[in-house]
PDB file of N, CA and C in Angstrom:
ATOM      1  N   MET A   1     -13.167 -10.747 -16.742  1.00  0.00           N
ATOM      2  CA  MET A   1     -13.292 -10.356 -15.350  1.00  0.00           C
ATOM      3  C   MET A   1     -12.382 -11.265 -14.529  1.00  0.00           C
ATOM      4  N   HIS A   2     -11.509 -10.648 -13.780  1.00  0.00           N
ATOM      5  CA  HIS A   2     -10.570 -11.382 -12.947  1.00  0.00           C
ATOM      6  C   HIS A   2     -10.814 -10.981 -11.497  1.00  0.00           C
ATOM      7  N   ILE A   3     -10.889 -11.969 -10.633  1.00  0.00           N
ATOM      8  CA  ILE A   3     -11.214 -11.737  -9.232  1.00  0.00           C
ATOM      9  C   ILE A   3      -9.999 -12.065  -8.378  1.00  0.00           C
ATOM     10  N   TYR A   4      -9.681 -11.159  -7.469  1.00  0.00           N
ATOM     11  CA  TYR A   4      -8.568 -11.367  -6.548  1.00  0.00           C
ATOM     12  C   TYR A   4      -8.872 -12.583  -5.686  1.00  0.00           C
ATOM     13  N   LYS A   5      -7.908 -13.472  -5.546  1.00  0.00           N
ATOM     14  CA  LYS A   5      -8.151 -14.730  -4.837  1.00  0.00           C
ATOM     15  C   LYS A   5      -8.477 -14.523  -3.366  1.00  0.00           C
ATOM     16  N   SER A   6      -7.908 -13.497  -2.748  1.00  0.00           N
ATOM     17  CA  SER A   6      -8.233 -13.157  -1.359  1.00  0.00           C
ATOM     18  C   SER A   6      -9.141 -11.931  -1.371  1.00  0.00           C
ATOM     19  N   LEU A   7     -10.294 -12.068  -1.963  1.00  0.00           N
ATOM     20  CA  LEU A   7     -11.220 -10.954  -2.173  1.00  0.00           C
ATOM     21  C   LEU A   7     -11.557 -10.265  -0.855  1.00  0.00           C
ATOM     22  N   PHE A   8     -11.400  -8.945  -0.827  1.00  0.00           N
ATOM     23  CA  PHE A   8     -11.728  -8.156   0.354  1.00  0.00           C
ATOM     24  C   PHE A   8     -13.222  -7.836   0.329  1.00  0.00           C
ATOM     25  N   CYS A   9     -13.891  -8.050   1.446  1.00  0.00           N
ATOM     26  CA  CYS A   9     -15.315  -7.754   1.556  1.00  0.00           C
ATOM     27  C   CYS A   9     -15.589  -7.129   2.919  1.00  0.00           C
ATOM     28  N   ASP A  10     -16.579  -6.252   2.966  1.00  0.00           N
ATOM     29  CA  ASP A  10     -16.998  -5.731   4.259  1.00  0.00           C
ATOM     30  C   ASP A  10     -17.938  -6.745   4.909  1.00  0.00           C
ATOM     31  N   ASP A  11     -18.446  -6.422   6.079  1.00  0.00           N
ATOM     32  CA  ASP A  11     -19.264  -7.373   6.838  1.00  0.00           C
ATOM     33  C   ASP A  11     -20.548  -7.744   6.115  1.00  0.00           C
ATOM     34  N   VAL A  12     -21.159  -6.802   5.414  1.00  0.00           N
ATOM     35  CA  VAL A  12     -22.432  -7.059   4.742  1.00  0.00           C
ATOM     36  C   VAL A  12     -22.240  -7.955   3.519  1.00  0.00           C
ATOM     37  N   CYS A  13     -21.197  -7.716   2.760  1.00  0.00           N
ATOM     38  CA  CYS A  13     -20.971  -8.446   1.509  1.00  0.00           C
ATOM     39  C   CYS A  13     -20.246  -9.775   1.701  1.00  0.00           C
ATOM     40  N   GLN A  14     -19.729 -10.034   2.868  1.00  0.00           N
ATOM     41  CA  GLN A  14     -18.942 -11.249   3.098  1.00  0.00           C
ATOM     42  C   GLN A  14     -19.760 -12.509   2.820  1.00  0.00           C
ATOM     43  N   ASP A  15     -20.985 -12.560   3.309  1.00  0.00           N
ATOM     44  CA  ASP A  15     -21.814 -13.759   3.136  1.00  0.00           C
ATOM     45  C   ASP A  15     -22.418 -13.850   1.739  1.00  0.00           C
ATOM     46  N   LYS A  16     -22.540 -12.728   1.040  1.00  0.00           N
ATOM     47  CA  LYS A  16     -23.208 -12.701  -0.258  1.00  0.00           C
ATOM     48  C   LYS A  16     -22.246 -12.523  -1.418  1.00  0.00           C
ATOM     49  N   ARG A  17     -20.964 -12.783  -1.235  1.00  0.00           N
ATOM     50  CA  ARG A  17     -19.995 -12.449  -2.279  1.00  0.00           C
ATOM     51  C   ARG A  17     -20.162 -13.286  -3.538  1.00  0.00           C
ATOM     52  N   LYS A  18     -20.502 -14.555  -3.437  1.00  0.00           N
ATOM     53  CA  LYS A  18     -20.701 -15.378  -4.635  1.00  0.00           C
ATOM     54  C   LYS A  18     -21.911 -14.894  -5.425  1.00  0.00           C
ATOM     55  N   LYS A  19     -22.943 -14.512  -4.722  1.00  0.00           N
ATOM     56  CA  LYS A  19     -24.141 -13.993  -5.371  1.00  0.00           C
ATOM     57  C   LYS A  19     -23.852 -12.658  -6.068  1.00  0.00           C
ATOM     58  N   ILE A  20     -23.069 -11.812  -5.423  1.00  0.00           N
ATOM     59  CA  ILE A  20     -22.723 -10.511  -6.006  1.00  0.00           C
ATOM     60  C   ILE A  20     -21.851 -10.698  -7.244  1.00  0.00           C
ATOM     61  N   ILE A  21     -20.882 -11.599  -7.191  1.00  0.00           N
ATOM     62  CA  ILE A  21     -20.017 -11.858  -8.347  1.00  0.00           C
ATOM     63  C   ILE A  21     -20.847 -12.387  -9.511  1.00  0.00           C
ATOM     64  N   ARG A  22     -21.797 -13.251  -9.228  1.00  0.00           N
ATOM     65  CA  ARG A  22     -22.668 -13.768 -10.284  1.00  0.00           C
ATOM     66  C   ARG A  22     -23.493 -12.651 -10.901  1.00  0.00           C
ATOM     67  N   LYS A  23     -23.977 -11.741 -10.079  1.00  0.00           N
ATOM     68  CA  LYS A  23     -24.753 -10.621 -10.599  1.00  0.00           C
ATOM     69  C   LYS A  23     -23.893  -9.696 -11.463  1.00  0.00           C
ATOM     70  N   ILE A  24     -22.650  -9.507 -11.082  1.00  0.00           N
ATOM     71  CA  ILE A  24     -21.743  -8.697 -11.902  1.00  0.00           C
ATOM     72  C   ILE A  24     -21.519  -9.376 -13.248  1.00  0.00           C
ATOM     73  N   LYS A  25     -21.306 -10.665 -13.210  1.00  0.00           N
ATOM     74  CA  LYS A  25     -21.012 -11.423 -14.427  1.00  0.00           C
ATOM     75  C   LYS A  25     -22.158 -11.366 -15.434  1.00  0.00           C
ATOM     76  N   TYR A  26     -23.393 -11.421 -14.945  1.00  0.00           N
ATOM     77  CA  TYR A  26     -24.562 -11.452 -15.825  1.00  0.00           C
ATOM     78  C   TYR A  26     -25.280 -10.109 -15.917  1.00  0.00           C
ATOM     79  N   HIS A  27     -24.629  -9.028 -15.506  1.00  0.00           N
ATOM     80  CA  HIS A  27     -25.168  -7.667 -15.602  1.00  0.00           C
ATOM     81  C   HIS A  27     -26.513  -7.533 -14.892  1.00  0.00           C
ATOM     82  N   ALA A  28     -26.657  -8.154 -13.757  1.00  0.00           N
ATOM     83  CA  ALA A  28     -27.890  -8.020 -12.967  1.00  0.00           C
ATOM     84  C   ALA A  28     -27.784  -6.790 -12.074  1.00  0.00           C
ATOM     85  N   GLY A  29     -28.879  -6.411 -11.475  1.00  0.00           N
ATOM     86  CA  GLY A  29     -28.909  -5.184 -10.692  1.00  0.00           C
ATOM     87  C   GLY A  29     -28.265  -5.301  -9.323  1.00  0.00           C
ATOM     88  N   LEU A  30     -27.415  -4.352  -9.011  1.00  0.00           N
ATOM     89  CA  LEU A  30     -26.818  -4.201  -7.688  1.00  0.00           C
ATOM     90  C   LEU A  30     -27.057  -2.753  -7.280  1.00  0.00           C
ATOM     91  N   THR A  31     -27.851  -2.542  -6.262  1.00  0.00           N
ATOM     92  CA  THR A  31     -28.246  -1.171  -5.953  1.00  0.00           C
ATOM     93  C   THR A  31     -27.240  -0.446  -5.078  1.00  0.00           C
ATOM     94  N   SER A  32     -26.893  -0.979  -3.948  1.00  0.00           N
ATOM     95  CA  SER A  32     -26.035  -0.243  -3.015  1.00  0.00           C
ATOM     96  C   SER A  32     -24.609  -0.782  -2.945  1.00  0.00           C
ATOM     97  N   THR A  33     -24.289  -1.769  -3.741  1.00  0.00           N
ATOM     98  CA  THR A  33     -22.974  -2.392  -3.688  1.00  0.00           C
ATOM     99  C   THR A  33     -21.964  -1.604  -4.520  1.00  0.00           C
ATOM    100  N   TYR A  34     -20.760  -1.451  -3.976  1.00  0.00           N
ATOM    101  CA  TYR A  34     -19.655  -0.835  -4.701  1.00  0.00           C
ATOM    102  C   TYR A  34     -18.609  -1.900  -4.971  1.00  0.00           C
ATOM    103  N   VAL A  35     -18.082  -1.907  -6.177  1.00  0.00           N
ATOM    104  CA  VAL A  35     -17.059  -2.863  -6.578  1.00  0.00           C
ATOM    105  C   VAL A  35     -15.734  -2.111  -6.641  1.00  0.00           C
ATOM    106  N   ILE A  36     -14.733  -2.628  -5.949  1.00  0.00           N
ATOM    107  CA  ILE A  36     -13.411  -2.014  -5.910  1.00  0.00           C
ATOM    108  C   ILE A  36     -12.526  -2.766  -6.892  1.00  0.00           C
ATOM    109  N   VAL A  37     -12.039  -2.051  -7.906  1.00  0.00           N
ATOM    110  CA  VAL A  37     -11.226  -2.668  -8.956  1.00  0.00           C
ATOM    111  C   VAL A  37      -9.880  -1.945  -9.059  1.00  0.00           C
ATOM    112  N   LEU A  38      -8.892  -2.637  -9.612  1.00  0.00           N
ATOM    113  CA  LEU A  38      -7.615  -1.989  -9.899  1.00  0.00           C
ATOM    114  C   LEU A  38      -7.831  -0.977 -11.009  1.00  0.00           C
ATOM    115  N   ALA A  39      -7.299   0.212 -10.824  1.00  0.00           N
ATOM    116  CA  ALA A  39      -7.504   1.291 -11.784  1.00  0.00           C
ATOM    117  C   ALA A  39      -6.527   1.181 -12.942  1.00  0.00           C
ATOM    118  N   ASN A  40      -6.965   1.655 -14.089  1.00  0.00           N
ATOM    119  CA  ASN A  40      -6.059   1.816 -15.229  1.00  0.00           C
ATOM    120  C   ASN A  40      -5.370   3.156 -15.070  1.00  0.00           C
ATOM    121  N   GLY A  41      -4.083   3.186 -15.264  1.00  0.00           N
ATOM    122  CA  GLY A  41      -3.352   4.440 -15.127  1.00  0.00           C
ATOM    123  C   GLY A  41      -2.583   4.501 -13.826  1.00  0.00           C
ATOM    124  N   ASN A  42      -2.438   5.718 -13.297  1.00  0.00           N
ATOM    125  CA  ASN A  42      -1.597   5.920 -12.113  1.00  0.00           C
ATOM    126  C   ASN A  42      -2.320   5.672 -10.800  1.00  0.00           C
ATOM    127  N   ASP A  43      -3.629   5.715 -10.788  1.00  0.00           N
ATOM    128  CA  ASP A  43      -4.373   5.505  -9.552  1.00  0.00           C
ATOM    129  C   ASP A  43      -4.304   4.042  -9.129  1.00  0.00           C
ATOM    130  N   TYR A  44      -4.617   3.801  -7.861  1.00  0.00           N
ATOM    131  CA  TYR A  44      -4.589   2.434  -7.361  1.00  0.00           C
ATOM    132  C   TYR A  44      -5.912   1.718  -7.574  1.00  0.00           C
ATOM    133  N   PHE A  45      -7.001   2.318  -7.115  1.00  0.00           N
ATOM    134  CA  PHE A  45      -8.297   1.655  -7.161  1.00  0.00           C
ATOM    135  C   PHE A  45      -9.361   2.572  -7.752  1.00  0.00           C
ATOM    136  N   ASP A  46     -10.375   1.955  -8.342  1.00  0.00           N
ATOM    137  CA  ASP A  46     -11.588   2.649  -8.763  1.00  0.00           C
ATOM    138  C   ASP A  46     -12.740   2.074  -7.968  1.00  0.00           C
ATOM    139  N   LEU A  47     -13.639   2.942  -7.528  1.00  0.00           N
ATOM    140  CA  LEU A  47     -14.863   2.510  -6.846  1.00  0.00           C
ATOM    141  C   LEU A  47     -15.991   2.621  -7.849  1.00  0.00           C
ATOM    142  N   ILE A  48     -16.526   1.482  -8.257  1.00  0.00           N
ATOM    143  CA  ILE A  48     -17.571   1.459  -9.273  1.00  0.00           C
ATOM    144  C   ILE A  48     -18.889   1.089  -8.598  1.00  0.00           C
ATOM    145  N   PRO A  49     -19.918   1.947  -8.723  1.00  0.00           N
ATOM    146  CA  PRO A  49     -21.231   1.588  -8.180  1.00  0.00           C
ATOM    147  C   PRO A  49     -21.806   0.398  -8.934  1.00  0.00           C
ATOM    148  N   GLY A  50     -22.498  -0.461  -8.231  1.00  0.00           N
ATOM    149  CA  GLY A  50     -23.039  -1.670  -8.833  1.00  0.00           C
ATOM    150  C   GLY A  50     -24.044  -1.411  -9.931  1.00  0.00           C
ATOM    151  N   TYR A  51     -24.803  -0.324  -9.841  1.00  0.00           N
ATOM    152  CA  TYR A  51     -25.803  -0.058 -10.872  1.00  0.00           C
ATOM    153  C   TYR A  51     -25.167   0.302 -12.206  1.00  0.00           C
ATOM    154  N   VAL A  52     -23.920   0.755 -12.217  1.00  0.00           N
ATOM    155  CA  VAL A  52     -23.235   1.046 -13.471  1.00  0.00           C
ATOM    156  C   VAL A  52     -22.919  -0.247 -14.217  1.00  0.00           C
ATOM    157  N   LEU A  53     -22.622  -1.301 -13.477  1.00  0.00           N
ATOM    158  CA  LEU A  53     -22.277  -2.580 -14.086  1.00  0.00           C
ATOM    159  C   LEU A  53     -23.478  -3.274 -14.711  1.00  0.00           C
ATOM    160  N   LYS A  54     -24.675  -2.765 -14.510  1.00  0.00           N
ATOM    161  CA  LYS A  54     -25.865  -3.355 -15.104  1.00  0.00           C
ATOM    162  C   LYS A  54     -25.927  -3.098 -16.607  1.00  0.00           C
ATOM    163  N   GLN A  55     -25.218  -2.091 -17.077  1.00  0.00           N
ATOM    164  CA  GLN A  55     -25.207  -1.770 -18.503  1.00  0.00           C
ATOM    165  C   GLN A  55     -24.508  -2.875 -19.276  1.00  0.00           C
ATOM    166  N   LYS A  56     -25.139  -3.350 -20.318  1.00  0.00           N
ATOM    167  CA  LYS A  56     -24.561  -4.430 -21.130  1.00  0.00           C
ATOM    168  C   LYS A  56     -23.279  -3.988 -21.833  1.00  0.00           C
ATOM    169  N   ALA A  57     -23.169  -2.711 -22.138  1.00  0.00           N
ATOM    170  CA  ALA A  57     -21.999  -2.224 -22.868  1.00  0.00           C
ATOM    171  C   ALA A  57     -20.805  -1.970 -21.956  1.00  0.00           C
ATOM    172  N   TYR A  58     -20.978  -2.071 -20.642  1.00  0.00           N
ATOM    173  CA  TYR A  58     -19.861  -1.803 -19.732  1.00  0.00           C
ATOM    174  C   TYR A  58     -18.840  -2.934 -19.851  1.00  0.00           C
ATOM    175  N   PRO A  59     -17.580  -2.612 -20.080  1.00  0.00           N
ATOM    176  CA  PRO A  59     -16.566  -3.657 -20.315  1.00  0.00           C
ATOM    177  C   PRO A  59     -16.104  -4.321 -19.020  1.00  0.00           C
ATOM    178  N   ILE A  60     -16.742  -5.405 -18.617  1.00  0.00           N
ATOM    179  CA  ILE A  60     -16.334  -6.098 -17.390  1.00  0.00           C
ATOM    180  C   ILE A  60     -15.241  -7.121 -17.658  1.00  0.00           C
ATOM    181  N   LYS A  61     -14.932  -7.348 -18.917  1.00  0.00           N
ATOM    182  CA  LYS A  61     -13.948  -8.368 -19.266  1.00  0.00           C
ATOM    183  C   LYS A  61     -12.560  -8.053 -18.714  1.00  0.00           C
ATOM    184  N   ASP A  62     -12.194  -6.786 -18.681  1.00  0.00           N
ATOM    185  CA  ASP A  62     -10.848  -6.400 -18.260  1.00  0.00           C
ATOM    186  C   ASP A  62     -10.767  -5.928 -16.815  1.00  0.00           C
ATOM    187  N   LEU A  63     -11.812  -6.107 -16.032  1.00  0.00           N
ATOM    188  CA  LEU A  63     -11.797  -5.663 -14.639  1.00  0.00           C
ATOM    189  C   LEU A  63     -10.994  -6.629 -13.769  1.00  0.00           C
ATOM    190  N   HIS A  64     -10.238  -6.075 -12.849  1.00  0.00           N
ATOM    191  CA  HIS A  64      -9.545  -6.857 -11.822  1.00  0.00           C
ATOM    192  C   HIS A  64     -10.217  -6.507 -10.491  1.00  0.00           C
ATOM    193  N   ILE A  65     -11.164  -7.322 -10.085  1.00  0.00           N
ATOM    194  CA  ILE A  65     -11.969  -7.036  -8.895  1.00  0.00           C
ATOM    195  C   ILE A  65     -11.169  -7.374  -7.652  1.00  0.00           C
ATOM    196  N   MET A  66     -11.023  -6.371  -6.770  1.00  0.00           N
ATOM    197  CA  MET A  66     -10.251  -6.531  -5.542  1.00  0.00           C
ATOM    198  C   MET A  66     -11.136  -6.621  -4.304  1.00  0.00           C
ATOM    199  N   GLY A  67     -12.314  -5.988  -4.335  1.00  0.00           N
ATOM    200  CA  GLY A  67     -13.138  -5.976  -3.141  1.00  0.00           C
ATOM    201  C   GLY A  67     -14.582  -5.605  -3.437  1.00  0.00           C
ATOM    202  N   LEU A  68     -15.441  -5.894  -2.451  1.00  0.00           N
ATOM    203  CA  LEU A  68     -16.860  -5.591  -2.525  1.00  0.00           C
ATOM    204  C   LEU A  68     -17.275  -4.910  -1.229  1.00  0.00           C
ATOM    205  N   ALA A  69     -18.093  -3.871  -1.361  1.00  0.00           N
ATOM    206  CA  ALA A  69     -18.533  -3.149  -0.169  1.00  0.00           C
ATOM    207  C   ALA A  69     -19.982  -2.703  -0.360  1.00  0.00           C
ATOM    208  N   ASP A  70     -20.683  -2.557   0.749  1.00  0.00           N
ATOM    209  CA  ASP A  70     -22.066  -2.117   0.731  1.00  0.00           C
ATOM    210  C   ASP A  70     -22.093  -0.636   1.092  1.00  0.00           C
ATOM    211  N   GLY A  71     -22.154   0.215   0.082  1.00  0.00           N
ATOM    212  CA  GLY A  71     -22.190   1.651   0.306  1.00  0.00           C
ATOM    213  C   GLY A  71     -20.835   2.294   0.087  1.00  0.00           C
ATOM    214  N   TYR A  72     -20.870   3.584  -0.217  1.00  0.00           N
ATOM    215  CA  TYR A  72     -19.650   4.314  -0.547  1.00  0.00           C
ATOM    216  C   TYR A  72     -18.726   4.450   0.662  1.00  0.00           C
ATOM    217  N   ASP A  73     -19.285   4.783   1.819  1.00  0.00           N
ATOM    218  CA  ASP A  73     -18.456   4.958   3.014  1.00  0.00           C
ATOM    219  C   ASP A  73     -17.731   3.666   3.385  1.00  0.00           C
ATOM    220  N   SER A  74     -18.432   2.566   3.294  1.00  0.00           N
ATOM    221  CA  SER A  74     -17.834   1.277   3.589  1.00  0.00           C
ATOM    222  C   SER A  74     -16.746   0.933   2.564  1.00  0.00           C
ATOM    223  N   ALA A  75     -16.943   1.336   1.309  1.00  0.00           N
ATOM    224  CA  ALA A  75     -15.935   1.082   0.272  1.00  0.00           C
ATOM    225  C   ALA A  75     -14.661   1.873   0.534  1.00  0.00           C
ATOM    226  N   VAL A  76     -14.797   3.117   0.978  1.00  0.00           N
ATOM    227  CA  VAL A  76     -13.613   3.931   1.270  1.00  0.00           C
ATOM    228  C   VAL A  76     -12.846   3.348   2.449  1.00  0.00           C
ATOM    229  N   ILE A  77     -13.552   2.913   3.473  1.00  0.00           N
ATOM    230  CA  ILE A  77     -12.900   2.290   4.632  1.00  0.00           C
ATOM    231  C   ILE A  77     -12.183   1.005   4.218  1.00  0.00           C
ATOM    232  N   LEU A  78     -12.819   0.235   3.328  1.00  0.00           N
ATOM    233  CA  LEU A  78     -12.207  -1.009   2.862  1.00  0.00           C
ATOM    234  C   LEU A  78     -10.955  -0.733   2.022  1.00  0.00           C
ATOM    235  N   VAL A  79     -10.958   0.313   1.223  1.00  0.00           N
ATOM    236  CA  VAL A  79      -9.777   0.671   0.432  1.00  0.00           C
ATOM    237  C   VAL A  79      -8.619   1.057   1.346  1.00  0.00           C
ATOM    238  N   ILE A  80      -8.902   1.804   2.394  1.00  0.00           N
ATOM    239  CA  ILE A  80      -7.858   2.170   3.356  1.00  0.00           C
ATOM    240  C   ILE A  80      -7.269   0.920   4.002  1.00  0.00           C
ATOM    241  N   LYS A  81      -8.129  -0.029   4.342  1.00  0.00           N
ATOM    242  CA  LYS A  81      -7.667  -1.288   4.927  1.00  0.00           C
ATOM    243  C   LYS A  81      -6.825  -2.076   3.921  1.00  0.00           C
ATOM    244  N   MET A  82      -7.246  -2.098   2.660  1.00  0.00           N
ATOM    245  CA  MET A  82      -6.513  -2.819   1.626  1.00  0.00           C
ATOM    246  C   MET A  82      -5.125  -2.227   1.400  1.00  0.00           C
ATOM    247  N   ILE A  83      -5.035  -0.904   1.390  1.00  0.00           N
ATOM    248  CA  ILE A  83      -3.736  -0.260   1.210  1.00  0.00           C
ATOM    249  C   ILE A  83      -2.795  -0.612   2.355  1.00  0.00           C
ATOM    250  N   GLY A  84      -3.320  -0.671   3.583  1.00  0.00           N
ATOM    251  CA  GLY A  84      -2.506  -1.074   4.726  1.00  0.00           C
ATOM    252  C   GLY A  84      -2.023  -2.506   4.620  1.00  0.00           C
ATOM    253  N   VAL A  85      -2.901  -3.404   4.174  1.00  0.00           N
ATOM    254  CA  VAL A  85      -2.526  -4.812   4.027  1.00  0.00           C
ATOM    255  C   VAL A  85      -1.448  -4.980   2.957  1.00  0.00           C
ATOM    256  N   PHE A  86      -1.619  -4.298   1.830  1.00  0.00           N
ATOM    257  CA  PHE A  86      -0.633  -4.416   0.754  1.00  0.00           C
ATOM    258  C   PHE A  86       0.695  -3.769   1.131  1.00  0.00           C
ATOM    259  N   PHE A  87       0.660  -2.691   1.930  1.00  0.00           N
ATOM    260  CA  PHE A  87       1.909  -2.080   2.375  1.00  0.00           C
ATOM    261  C   PHE A  87       2.669  -3.031   3.286  1.00  0.00           C
ATOM    262  N   GLU A  88       1.951  -3.729   4.169  1.00  0.00           N
ATOM    263  CA  GLU A  88       2.620  -4.700   5.041  1.00  0.00           C
ATOM    264  C   GLU A  88       3.182  -5.865   4.248  1.00  0.00           C
ATOM    265  N   LYS A  89       2.460  -6.290   3.205  1.00  0.00           N
ATOM    266  CA  LYS A  89       2.891  -7.446   2.422  1.00  0.00           C
ATOM    267  C   LYS A  89       4.085  -7.121   1.534  1.00  0.00           C
ATOM    268  N   TYR A  90       4.045  -5.992   0.832  1.00  0.00           N
ATOM    269  CA  TYR A  90       5.083  -5.665  -0.141  1.00  0.00           C
ATOM    270  C   TYR A  90       6.106  -4.650   0.368  1.00  0.00           C
ATOM    271  N   GLY A  91       5.816  -3.945   1.451  1.00  0.00           N
ATOM    272  CA  GLY A  91       6.758  -2.998   2.016  1.00  0.00           C
ATOM    273  C   GLY A  91       6.856  -1.678   1.276  1.00  0.00           C
ATOM    274  N   THR A  92       5.946  -1.424   0.361  1.00  0.00           N
ATOM    275  CA  THR A  92       5.952  -0.179  -0.399  1.00  0.00           C
ATOM    276  C   THR A  92       4.519   0.152  -0.823  1.00  0.00           C
ATOM    277  N   TYR A  93       4.317   1.410  -1.165  1.00  0.00           N
ATOM    278  CA  TYR A  93       2.997   1.797  -1.663  1.00  0.00           C
ATOM    279  C   TYR A  93       2.890   1.604  -3.172  1.00  0.00           C
ATOM    280  N   GLN A  94       3.919   1.131  -3.814  1.00  0.00           N
ATOM    281  CA  GLN A  94       3.887   0.828  -5.247  1.00  0.00           C
ATOM    282  C   GLN A  94       3.492  -0.634  -5.455  1.00  0.00           C
ATOM    283  N   PHE A  95       2.497  -1.090  -4.740  1.00  0.00           N
ATOM    284  CA  PHE A  95       2.114  -2.494  -4.774  1.00  0.00           C
ATOM    285  C   PHE A  95       1.373  -2.889  -6.041  1.00  0.00           C
ATOM    286  N   LYS A  96       0.842  -1.928  -6.764  1.00  0.00           N
ATOM    287  CA  LYS A  96       0.091  -2.251  -7.980  1.00  0.00           C
ATOM    288  C   LYS A  96       0.984  -2.947  -9.002  1.00  0.00           C
ATOM    289  N   ASP A  97       2.234  -2.519  -9.098  1.00  0.00           N
ATOM    290  CA  ASP A  97       3.176  -3.160 -10.013  1.00  0.00           C
ATOM    291  C   ASP A  97       3.424  -4.612  -9.616  1.00  0.00           C
ATOM    292  N   PHE A  98       3.561  -4.872  -8.321  1.00  0.00           N
ATOM    293  CA  PHE A  98       3.774  -6.239  -7.850  1.00  0.00           C
ATOM    294  C   PHE A  98       2.555  -7.119  -8.112  1.00  0.00           C
ATOM    295  N   LEU A  99       1.357  -6.568  -7.916  1.00  0.00           N
ATOM    296  CA  LEU A  99       0.143  -7.333  -8.168  1.00  0.00           C
ATOM    297  C   LEU A  99       0.019  -7.728  -9.632  1.00  0.00           C
ATOM    298  N   MET A 100       0.345  -6.808 -10.520  1.00  0.00           N
ATOM    299  CA  MET A 100       0.222  -7.096 -11.948  1.00  0.00           C
ATOM    300  C   MET A 100       1.322  -8.025 -12.444  1.00  0.00           C
ATOM    301  N   GLN A 101       2.502  -7.998 -11.819  1.00  0.00           N
ATOM    302  CA  GLN A 101       3.557  -8.933 -12.200  1.00  0.00           C
ATOM    303  C   GLN A 101       3.196 -10.356 -11.786  1.00  0.00           C
ATOM    304  N   GLU A 102       2.482 -10.490 -10.677  1.00  0.00           N
ATOM    305  CA  GLU A 102       2.107 -11.802 -10.160  1.00  0.00           C
ATOM    306  C   GLU A 102       0.631 -12.088 -10.400  1.00  0.00           C
ATOM    307  N   LYS A 103       0.071 -11.588 -11.500  1.00  0.00           N
ATOM    308  CA  LYS A 103      -1.371 -11.705 -11.685  1.00  0.00           C
ATOM    309  C   LYS A 103      -1.832 -13.142 -11.876  1.00  0.00           C
ATOM    310  N   GLU A 104      -0.980 -14.034 -12.374  1.00  0.00           N
ATOM    311  CA  GLU A 104      -1.387 -15.433 -12.497  1.00  0.00           C
ATOM    312  C   GLU A 104      -1.612 -16.068 -11.132  1.00  0.00           C
ATOM    313  N   MET A 105      -0.835 -15.625 -10.129  1.00  0.00           N
ATOM    314  CA  MET A 105      -0.976 -16.186  -8.785  1.00  0.00           C
ATOM    315  C   MET A 105      -2.059 -15.485  -7.986  1.00  0.00           C
ATOM    316  N   ASN A 106      -2.303 -14.202  -8.248  1.00  0.00           N
ATOM    317  CA  ASN A 106      -3.203 -13.414  -7.419  1.00  0.00           C
ATOM    318  C   ASN A 106      -4.644 -13.373  -7.902  1.00  0.00           C
ATOM    319  N   PHE A 107      -4.886 -13.576  -9.187  1.00  0.00           N
ATOM    320  CA  PHE A 107      -6.227 -13.427  -9.736  1.00  0.00           C
ATOM    321  C   PHE A 107      -6.710 -14.725 -10.380  1.00  0.00           C
ATOM    322  N   THR A 108      -8.014 -14.929 -10.361  1.00  0.00           N
ATOM    323  CA  THR A 108      -8.600 -16.067 -11.034  1.00  0.00           C
ATOM    324  C   THR A 108      -8.696 -15.761 -12.521  1.00  0.00           C
ATOM    325  N   GLY A 109      -8.751 -16.791 -13.338  1.00  0.00           N
ATOM    326  CA  GLY A 109      -8.964 -16.623 -14.760  1.00  0.00           C
ATOM    327  C   GLY A 109      -7.712 -16.551 -15.604  1.00  0.00           C
ATOM    328  N   TYR A 110      -6.529 -16.485 -15.022  1.00  0.00           N
ATOM    329  CA  TYR A 110      -5.302 -16.421 -15.808  1.00  0.00           C
ATOM    330  C   TYR A 110      -4.676 -17.792 -16.035  1.00  0.00           C
ATOM    331  N   ASN A 111      -5.080 -18.786 -15.273  1.00  0.00           N
ATOM    332  CA  ASN A 111      -4.467 -20.105 -15.403  1.00  0.00           C
ATOM    333  C   ASN A 111      -5.154 -20.969 -16.450  1.00  0.00           C
ATOM    334  N   ARG A 112      -6.184 -20.446 -17.080  1.00  0.00           N
ATOM    335  CA  ARG A 112      -6.897 -21.214 -18.110  1.00  0.00           C
ATOM    336  C   ARG A 112      -6.099 -21.206 -19.404  1.00  0.00           C
ATOM    337  N   LYS A 113      -6.135 -22.308 -20.107  1.00  0.00           N
ATOM    338  CA  LYS A 113      -5.432 -22.387 -21.396  1.00  0.00           C
ATOM    339  C   LYS A 113      -6.397 -22.754 -22.472  1.00  0.00           C
TER     340      LYS A 113
END
């Protein structure tokens, strides 16, 4: 599990983000929380409901967590905001390639040896 260093959170999840990350790590229950991760394939993001991550067999090892939101509507609004921020930073909508090229700088867990 790799977490974006500038993790995007909505107003509800901002104060509880460490607790939510711990719950994801140990497969604890998250009822209304949505986790925004980088998608595999051509899509940019996947919105994963927190209750899905409670399954022990769910592969959280390869997730690149970009944001946390309370509820689906809030997650969609946060994704729109994230796309705007990345467009301003990289100047293109193909920002996923740039994020993965710089994953040692952008995500936690890659600097360990």
